[in-house]
């Protein structure tokens, strides 16, 4: 019987990485387009999800991931 191993989980995560990166880039591109790169503008997550043809939770997860990535880079 096969069980989940850390190696197995990492392989699955690596396989999905390009898709996730593509989604992140597309999301950032749409945000830049909608706000004209003005960081003081707030965006409604539901409206953004609709524009991206994504579910709200997918958009929220992607934004949280991007926020975490920037926070890590800023602290280095």
PDB file of N, CA and C in Angstrom:
ATOM      1  N   UNK A   1       0.845  -1.166   0.000  1.00  0.00           N
ATOM      2  CA  UNK A   1       0.000   0.000   0.000  1.00  0.00           C
ATOM      3  C   UNK A   1       0.900   1.242   0.000  1.00  0.00           C
ATOM      4  N   UNK A   2       0.571   2.186  -0.861  1.00  0.00           N
ATOM      5  CA  UNK A   2       1.386   3.391  -0.978  1.00  0.00           C
ATOM      6  C   UNK A   2       0.831   4.491  -0.087  1.00  0.00           C
ATOM      7  N   UNK A   3       1.720   5.167   0.579  1.00  0.00           N
ATOM      8  CA  UNK A   3       1.328   6.290   1.424  1.00  0.00           C
ATOM      9  C   UNK A   3       1.895   7.582   0.872  1.00  0.00           C
ATOM     10  N   UNK A   4       1.390   8.676   1.356  1.00  0.00           N
ATOM     11  CA  UNK A   4       1.926   9.973   0.966  1.00  0.00           C
ATOM     12  C   UNK A   4       3.254  10.199   1.658  1.00  0.00           C
ATOM     13  N   UNK A   5       4.227  10.584   0.898  1.00  0.00           N
ATOM     14  CA  UNK A   5       5.530  10.908   1.461  1.00  0.00           C
ATOM     15  C   UNK A   5       5.854  12.349   1.129  1.00  0.00           C
ATOM     16  N   UNK A   6       6.787  12.906   1.856  1.00  0.00           N
ATOM     17  CA  UNK A   6       7.190  14.281   1.573  1.00  0.00           C
ATOM     18  C   UNK A   6       7.713  14.392   0.148  1.00  0.00           C
ATOM     19  N   UNK A   7       8.473  13.396  -0.288  1.00  0.00           N
ATOM     20  CA  UNK A   7       9.001  13.428  -1.648  1.00  0.00           C
ATOM     21  C   UNK A   7       7.861  13.440  -2.662  1.00  0.00           C
ATOM     22  N   UNK A   8       6.849  12.613  -2.420  1.00  0.00           N
ATOM     23  CA  UNK A   8       5.701  12.571  -3.324  1.00  0.00           C
ATOM     24  C   UNK A   8       4.955  13.891  -3.371  1.00  0.00           C
ATOM     25  N   UNK A   9       4.801  14.505  -2.230  1.00  0.00           N
ATOM     26  CA  UNK A   9       4.114  15.792  -2.172  1.00  0.00           C
ATOM     27  C   UNK A   9       4.925  16.846  -2.915  1.00  0.00           C
ATOM     28  N   UNK A  10       6.231  16.858  -2.729  1.00  0.00           N
ATOM     29  CA  UNK A  10       7.069  17.841  -3.412  1.00  0.00           C
ATOM     30  C   UNK A  10       7.031  17.655  -4.920  1.00  0.00           C
ATOM     31  N   UNK A  11       6.997  16.400  -5.376  1.00  0.00           N
ATOM     32  CA  UNK A  11       6.927  16.162  -6.816  1.00  0.00           C
ATOM     33  C   UNK A  11       5.625  16.705  -7.390  1.00  0.00           C
ATOM     34  N   UNK A  12       4.536  16.502  -6.695  1.00  0.00           N
ATOM     35  CA  UNK A  12       3.250  17.020  -7.153  1.00  0.00           C
ATOM     36  C   UNK A  12       3.268  18.542  -7.162  1.00  0.00           C
ATOM     37  N   UNK A  13       3.825  19.142  -6.118  1.00  0.00           N
ATOM     38  CA  UNK A  13       3.890  20.601  -6.061  1.00  0.00           C
ATOM     39  C   UNK A  13       4.748  21.154  -7.193  1.00  0.00           C
ATOM     40  N   UNK A  14       5.839  20.497  -7.487  1.00  0.00           N
ATOM     41  CA  UNK A  14       6.707  20.963  -8.566  1.00  0.00           C
ATOM     42  C   UNK A  14       6.014  20.851  -9.919  1.00  0.00           C
ATOM     43  N   UNK A  15       5.213  19.793 -10.106  1.00  0.00           N
ATOM     44  CA  UNK A  15       4.505  19.639 -11.372  1.00  0.00           C
ATOM     45  C   UNK A  15       3.502  20.761 -11.582  1.00  0.00           C
ATOM     46  N   UNK A  16       2.872  21.237 -10.530  1.00  0.00           N
ATOM     47  CA  UNK A  16       1.862  22.286 -10.643  1.00  0.00           C
ATOM     48  C   UNK A  16       2.454  23.687 -10.606  1.00  0.00           C
ATOM     49  N   UNK A  17       3.718  23.796 -10.353  1.00  0.00           N
ATOM     50  CA  UNK A  17       4.341  25.105 -10.178  1.00  0.00           C
ATOM     51  C   UNK A  17       4.194  26.012 -11.406  1.00  0.00           C
ATOM     52  N   UNK A  18       4.467  25.536 -12.622  1.00  0.00           N
ATOM     53  CA  UNK A  18       4.333  26.435 -13.769  1.00  0.00           C
ATOM     54  C   UNK A  18       2.918  26.989 -13.925  1.00  0.00           C
ATOM     55  N   UNK A  19       1.903  26.165 -13.665  1.00  0.00           N
ATOM     56  CA  UNK A  19       0.525  26.634 -13.764  1.00  0.00           C
ATOM     57  C   UNK A  19       0.266  27.728 -12.733  1.00  0.00           C
ATOM     58  N   UNK A  20       0.744  27.519 -11.511  1.00  0.00           N
ATOM     59  CA  UNK A  20       0.560  28.518 -10.458  1.00  0.00           C
ATOM     60  C   UNK A  20       1.282  29.809 -10.806  1.00  0.00           C
ATOM     61  N   UNK A  21       2.488  29.693 -11.316  1.00  0.00           N
ATOM     62  CA  UNK A  21       3.249  30.895 -11.676  1.00  0.00           C
ATOM     63  C   UNK A  21       2.550  31.662 -12.788  1.00  0.00           C
ATOM     64  N   UNK A  22       1.986  30.946 -13.744  1.00  0.00           N
ATOM     65  CA  UNK A  22       1.254  31.598 -14.830  1.00  0.00           C
ATOM     66  C   UNK A  22       0.037  32.352 -14.314  1.00  0.00           C
ATOM     67  N   UNK A  23      -0.666  31.745 -13.371  1.00  0.00           N
ATOM     68  CA  UNK A  23      -1.829  32.393 -12.769  1.00  0.00           C
ATOM     69  C   UNK A  23      -1.397  33.644 -12.016  1.00  0.00           C
ATOM     70  N   UNK A  24      -0.298  33.544 -11.278  1.00  0.00           N
ATOM     71  CA  UNK A  24       0.196  34.700 -10.514  1.00  0.00           C
ATOM     72  C   UNK A  24       0.573  35.847 -11.450  1.00  0.00           C
ATOM     73  N   UNK A  25       1.266  35.520 -12.528  1.00  0.00           N
ATOM     74  CA  UNK A  25       1.668  36.563 -13.481  1.00  0.00           C
ATOM     75  C   UNK A  25       0.450  37.214 -14.128  1.00  0.00           C
ATOM     76  N   UNK A  26      -0.530  36.394 -14.515  1.00  0.00           N
ATOM     77  CA  UNK A  26      -1.742  36.925 -15.138  1.00  0.00           C
ATOM     78  C   UNK A  26      -2.504  37.814 -14.164  1.00  0.00           C
ATOM     79  N   UNK A  27      -2.564  37.399 -12.915  1.00  0.00           N
ATOM     80  CA  UNK A  27      -3.254  38.176 -11.890  1.00  0.00           C
ATOM     81  C   UNK A  27      -2.553  39.516 -11.664  1.00  0.00           C
ATOM     82  N   UNK A  28      -1.244  39.488 -11.555  1.00  0.00           N
ATOM     83  CA  UNK A  28      -0.488  40.739 -11.385  1.00  0.00           C
ATOM     84  C   UNK A  28      -0.660  41.657 -12.586  1.00  0.00           C
ATOM     85  N   UNK A  29      -0.639  41.080 -13.765  1.00  0.00           N
ATOM     86  CA  UNK A  29      -0.806  41.865 -14.982  1.00  0.00           C
ATOM     87  C   UNK A  29      -2.171  42.550 -15.006  1.00  0.00           C
ATOM     88  N   UNK A  30      -3.215  41.825 -14.631  1.00  0.00           N
ATOM     89  CA  UNK A  30      -4.569  42.391 -14.617  1.00  0.00           C
ATOM     90  C   UNK A  30      -4.681  43.492 -13.561  1.00  0.00           C
ATOM     91  N   UNK A  31      -4.063  43.287 -12.406  1.00  0.00           N
ATOM     92  CA  UNK A  31      -4.084  44.312 -11.356  1.00  0.00           C
ATOM     93  C   UNK A  31      -3.383  45.576 -11.842  1.00  0.00           C
ATOM     94  N   UNK A  32      -2.239  45.416 -12.476  1.00  0.00           N
ATOM     95  CA  UNK A  32      -1.502  46.576 -12.990  1.00  0.00           C
ATOM     96  C   UNK A  32      -2.324  47.299 -14.053  1.00  0.00           C
ATOM     97  N   UNK A  33      -3.008  46.531 -14.891  1.00  0.00           N
ATOM     98  CA  UNK A  33      -3.845  47.120 -15.937  1.00  0.00           C
ATOM     99  C   UNK A  33      -5.010  47.911 -15.333  1.00  0.00           C
ATOM    100  N   UNK A  34      -5.684  47.324 -14.355  1.00  0.00           N
ATOM    101  CA  UNK A  34      -6.861  47.965 -13.762  1.00  0.00           C
ATOM    102  C   UNK A  34      -6.512  49.190 -12.921  1.00  0.00           C
ATOM    103  N   UNK A  35      -5.357  49.184 -12.295  1.00  0.00           N
ATOM    104  CA  UNK A  35      -4.984  50.284 -11.396  1.00  0.00           C
ATOM    105  C   UNK A  35      -3.999  51.262 -12.013  1.00  0.00           C
ATOM    106  N   UNK A  36      -3.558  51.004 -13.218  1.00  0.00           N
ATOM    107  CA  UNK A  36      -2.513  51.817 -13.858  1.00  0.00           C
ATOM    108  C   UNK A  36      -1.280  51.887 -12.969  1.00  0.00           C
ATOM    109  N   UNK A  37      -0.989  50.789 -12.276  1.00  0.00           N
ATOM    110  CA  UNK A  37       0.178  50.621 -11.399  1.00  0.00           C
ATOM    111  C   UNK A  37       0.175  51.578 -10.207  1.00  0.00           C
ATOM    112  N   UNK A  38      -0.993  52.098  -9.842  1.00  0.00           N
ATOM    113  CA  UNK A  38      -1.113  52.980  -8.678  1.00  0.00           C
ATOM    114  C   UNK A  38      -1.392  52.120  -7.450  1.00  0.00           C
ATOM    115  N   UNK A  39      -0.454  52.062  -6.525  1.00  0.00           N
ATOM    116  CA  UNK A  39      -0.583  51.193  -5.350  1.00  0.00           C
ATOM    117  C   UNK A  39      -1.589  51.706  -4.328  1.00  0.00           C
ATOM    118  N   UNK A  40      -2.074  52.923  -4.487  1.00  0.00           N
ATOM    119  CA  UNK A  40      -3.034  53.466  -3.523  1.00  0.00           C
ATOM    120  C   UNK A  40      -4.477  53.089  -3.862  1.00  0.00           C
ATOM    121  N   UNK A  41      -4.685  52.449  -5.008  1.00  0.00           N
ATOM    122  CA  UNK A  41      -6.033  52.060  -5.432  1.00  0.00           C
ATOM    123  C   UNK A  41      -6.377  50.692  -4.860  1.00  0.00           C
ATOM    124  N   UNK A  42      -7.576  50.587  -4.302  1.00  0.00           N
ATOM    125  CA  UNK A  42      -8.062  49.311  -3.785  1.00  0.00           C
ATOM    126  C   UNK A  42      -8.859  48.596  -4.871  1.00  0.00           C
ATOM    127  N   UNK A  43      -8.799  47.267  -4.857  1.00  0.00           N
ATOM    128  CA  UNK A  43      -9.522  46.461  -5.840  1.00  0.00           C
ATOM    129  C   UNK A  43     -10.485  45.542  -5.107  1.00  0.00           C
ATOM    130  N   UNK A  44     -11.691  45.432  -5.610  1.00  0.00           N
ATOM    131  CA  UNK A  44     -12.678  44.502  -5.086  1.00  0.00           C
ATOM    132  C   UNK A  44     -12.298  43.096  -5.561  1.00  0.00           C
ATOM    133  N   UNK A  45     -12.092  42.180  -4.619  1.00  0.00           N
ATOM    134  CA  UNK A  45     -11.651  40.826  -4.970  1.00  0.00           C
ATOM    135  C   UNK A  45     -12.681  40.117  -5.834  1.00  0.00           C
ATOM    136  N   UNK A  46     -13.964  40.320  -5.555  1.00  0.00           N
ATOM    137  CA  UNK A  46     -15.006  39.673  -6.351  1.00  0.00           C
ATOM    138  C   UNK A  46     -14.974  40.159  -7.800  1.00  0.00           C
ATOM    139  N   UNK A  47     -14.785  41.458  -7.991  1.00  0.00           N
ATOM    140  CA  UNK A  47     -14.710  42.008  -9.340  1.00  0.00           C
ATOM    141  C   UNK A  47     -13.465  41.497 -10.062  1.00  0.00           C
ATOM    142  N   UNK A  48     -12.350  41.434  -9.347  1.00  0.00           N
ATOM    143  CA  UNK A  48     -11.115  40.924  -9.938  1.00  0.00           C
ATOM    144  C   UNK A  48     -11.268  39.459 -10.331  1.00  0.00           C
ATOM    145  N   UNK A  49     -11.884  38.679  -9.465  1.00  0.00           N
ATOM    146  CA  UNK A  49     -12.114  37.262  -9.770  1.00  0.00           C
ATOM    147  C   UNK A  49     -12.980  37.123 -11.017  1.00  0.00           C
ATOM    148  N   UNK A  50     -13.991  37.969 -11.140  1.00  0.00           N
ATOM    149  CA  UNK A  50     -14.849  37.934 -12.321  1.00  0.00           C
ATOM    150  C   UNK A  50     -14.091  38.283 -13.587  1.00  0.00           C
ATOM    151  N   UNK A  51     -13.238  39.297 -13.513  1.00  0.00           N
ATOM    152  CA  UNK A  51     -12.434  39.692 -14.680  1.00  0.00           C
ATOM    153  C   UNK A  51     -11.459  38.595 -15.092  1.00  0.00           C
ATOM    154  N   UNK A  52     -10.960  37.849 -14.103  1.00  0.00           N
ATOM    155  CA  UNK A  52      -9.972  36.800 -14.368  1.00  0.00           C
ATOM    156  C   UNK A  52     -10.630  35.445 -14.649  1.00  0.00           C
ATOM    157  N   UNK A  53     -11.960  35.387 -14.539  1.00  0.00           N
ATOM    158  CA  UNK A  53     -12.692  34.135 -14.708  1.00  0.00           C
ATOM    159  C   UNK A  53     -12.198  33.084 -13.714  1.00  0.00           C
ATOM    160  N   UNK A  54     -12.033  33.516 -12.476  1.00  0.00           N
ATOM    161  CA  UNK A  54     -11.570  32.650 -11.394  1.00  0.00           C
ATOM    162  C   UNK A  54     -12.611  32.659 -10.283  1.00  0.00           C
ATOM    163  N   UNK A  55     -12.540  31.666  -9.425  1.00  0.00           N
ATOM    164  CA  UNK A  55     -13.375  31.654  -8.230  1.00  0.00           C
ATOM    165  C   UNK A  55     -12.766  32.634  -7.220  1.00  0.00           C
ATOM    166  N   UNK A  56     -13.612  33.161  -6.334  1.00  0.00           N
ATOM    167  CA  UNK A  56     -13.144  34.131  -5.342  1.00  0.00           C
ATOM    168  C   UNK A  56     -12.029  33.547  -4.480  1.00  0.00           C
ATOM    169  N   UNK A  57     -12.201  32.303  -4.035  1.00  0.00           N
ATOM    170  CA  UNK A  57     -11.196  31.702  -3.154  1.00  0.00           C
ATOM    171  C   UNK A  57      -9.870  31.496  -3.882  1.00  0.00           C
ATOM    172  N   UNK A  58      -9.918  31.205  -5.193  1.00  0.00           N
ATOM    173  CA  UNK A  58      -8.677  31.053  -5.961  1.00  0.00           C
ATOM    174  C   UNK A  58      -7.938  32.386  -6.043  1.00  0.00           C
ATOM    175  N   UNK A  59      -8.686  33.439  -6.299  1.00  0.00           N
ATOM    176  CA  UNK A  59      -8.092  34.775  -6.378  1.00  0.00           C
ATOM    177  C   UNK A  59      -7.508  35.182  -5.032  1.00  0.00           C
ATOM    178  N   UNK A  60      -8.257  34.932  -3.969  1.00  0.00           N
ATOM    179  CA  UNK A  60      -7.801  35.277  -2.628  1.00  0.00           C
ATOM    180  C   UNK A  60      -6.534  34.499  -2.270  1.00  0.00           C
ATOM    181  N   UNK A  61      -6.499  33.199  -2.591  1.00  0.00           N
ATOM    182  CA  UNK A  61      -5.308  32.388  -2.324  1.00  0.00           C
ATOM    183  C   UNK A  61      -4.096  32.915  -3.085  1.00  0.00           C
ATOM    184  N   UNK A  62      -4.302  33.258  -4.351  1.00  0.00           N
ATOM    185  CA  UNK A  62      -3.198  33.774  -5.166  1.00  0.00           C
ATOM    186  C   UNK A  62      -2.685  35.097  -4.605  1.00  0.00           C
ATOM    187  N   UNK A  63      -3.598  35.970  -4.198  1.00  0.00           N
ATOM    188  CA  UNK A  63      -3.184  37.253  -3.627  1.00  0.00           C
ATOM    189  C   UNK A  63      -2.450  37.069  -2.307  1.00  0.00           C
ATOM    190  N   UNK A  64      -2.910  36.140  -1.486  1.00  0.00           N
ATOM    191  CA  UNK A  64      -2.208  35.850  -0.232  1.00  0.00           C
ATOM    192  C   UNK A  64      -0.807  35.319  -0.493  1.00  0.00           C
ATOM    193  N   UNK A  65      -0.667  34.443  -1.479  1.00  0.00           N
ATOM    194  CA  UNK A  65       0.643  33.901  -1.824  1.00  0.00           C
ATOM    195  C   UNK A  65       1.573  35.019  -2.291  1.00  0.00           C
ATOM    196  N   UNK A  66       1.063  35.882  -3.166  1.00  0.00           N
ATOM    197  CA  UNK A  66       1.880  36.991  -3.664  1.00  0.00           C
ATOM    198  C   UNK A  66       2.262  37.943  -2.538  1.00  0.00           C
ATOM    199  N   UNK A  67       1.337  38.209  -1.644  1.00  0.00           N
ATOM    200  CA  UNK A  67       1.635  39.081  -0.503  1.00  0.00           C
ATOM    201  C   UNK A  67       2.735  38.466   0.360  1.00  0.00           C
ATOM    202  N   UNK A  68       2.646  37.177   0.608  1.00  0.00           N
ATOM    203  CA  UNK A  68       3.671  36.485   1.392  1.00  0.00           C
ATOM    204  C   UNK A  68       5.023  36.506   0.710  1.00  0.00           C
ATOM    205  N   UNK A  69       5.024  36.338  -0.597  1.00  0.00           N
ATOM    206  CA  UNK A  69       6.274  36.362  -1.357  1.00  0.00           C
ATOM    207  C   UNK A  69       6.932  37.727  -1.243  1.00  0.00           C
ATOM    208  N   UNK A  70       6.158  38.801  -1.389  1.00  0.00           N
ATOM    209  CA  UNK A  70       6.718  40.151  -1.293  1.00  0.00           C
ATOM    210  C   UNK A  70       7.190  40.446   0.113  1.00  0.00           C
ATOM    211  N   UNK A  71       6.454  39.970   1.114  1.00  0.00           N
ATOM    212  CA  UNK A  71       6.850  40.201   2.502  1.00  0.00           C
ATOM    213  C   UNK A  71       8.197  39.558   2.789  1.00  0.00           C
ATOM    214  N   UNK A  72       8.413  38.358   2.248  1.00  0.00           N
ATOM    215  CA  UNK A  72       9.689  37.669   2.445  1.00  0.00           C
ATOM    216  C   UNK A  72      10.815  38.425   1.756  1.00  0.00           C
ATOM    217  N   UNK A  73      10.572  38.910   0.544  1.00  0.00           N
ATOM    218  CA  UNK A  73      11.613  39.636  -0.187  1.00  0.00           C
ATOM    219  C   UNK A  73      11.940  40.954   0.504  1.00  0.00           C
ATOM    220  N   UNK A  74      10.912  41.625   1.031  1.00  0.00           N
ATOM    221  CA  UNK A  74      11.127  42.908   1.705  1.00  0.00           C
ATOM    222  C   UNK A  74      11.935  42.751   2.986  1.00  0.00           C
ATOM    223  N   UNK A  75      11.813  41.590   3.640  1.00  0.00           N
ATOM    224  CA  UNK A  75      12.501  41.404   4.918  1.00  0.00           C
ATOM    225  C   UNK A  75      13.950  40.957   4.753  1.00  0.00           C
ATOM    226  N   UNK A  76      14.347  40.622   3.545  1.00  0.00           N
ATOM    227  CA  UNK A  76      15.731  40.156   3.336  1.00  0.00           C
ATOM    228  C   UNK A  76      16.720  41.293   3.328  1.00  0.00           C
TER     229      UNK A  76
END
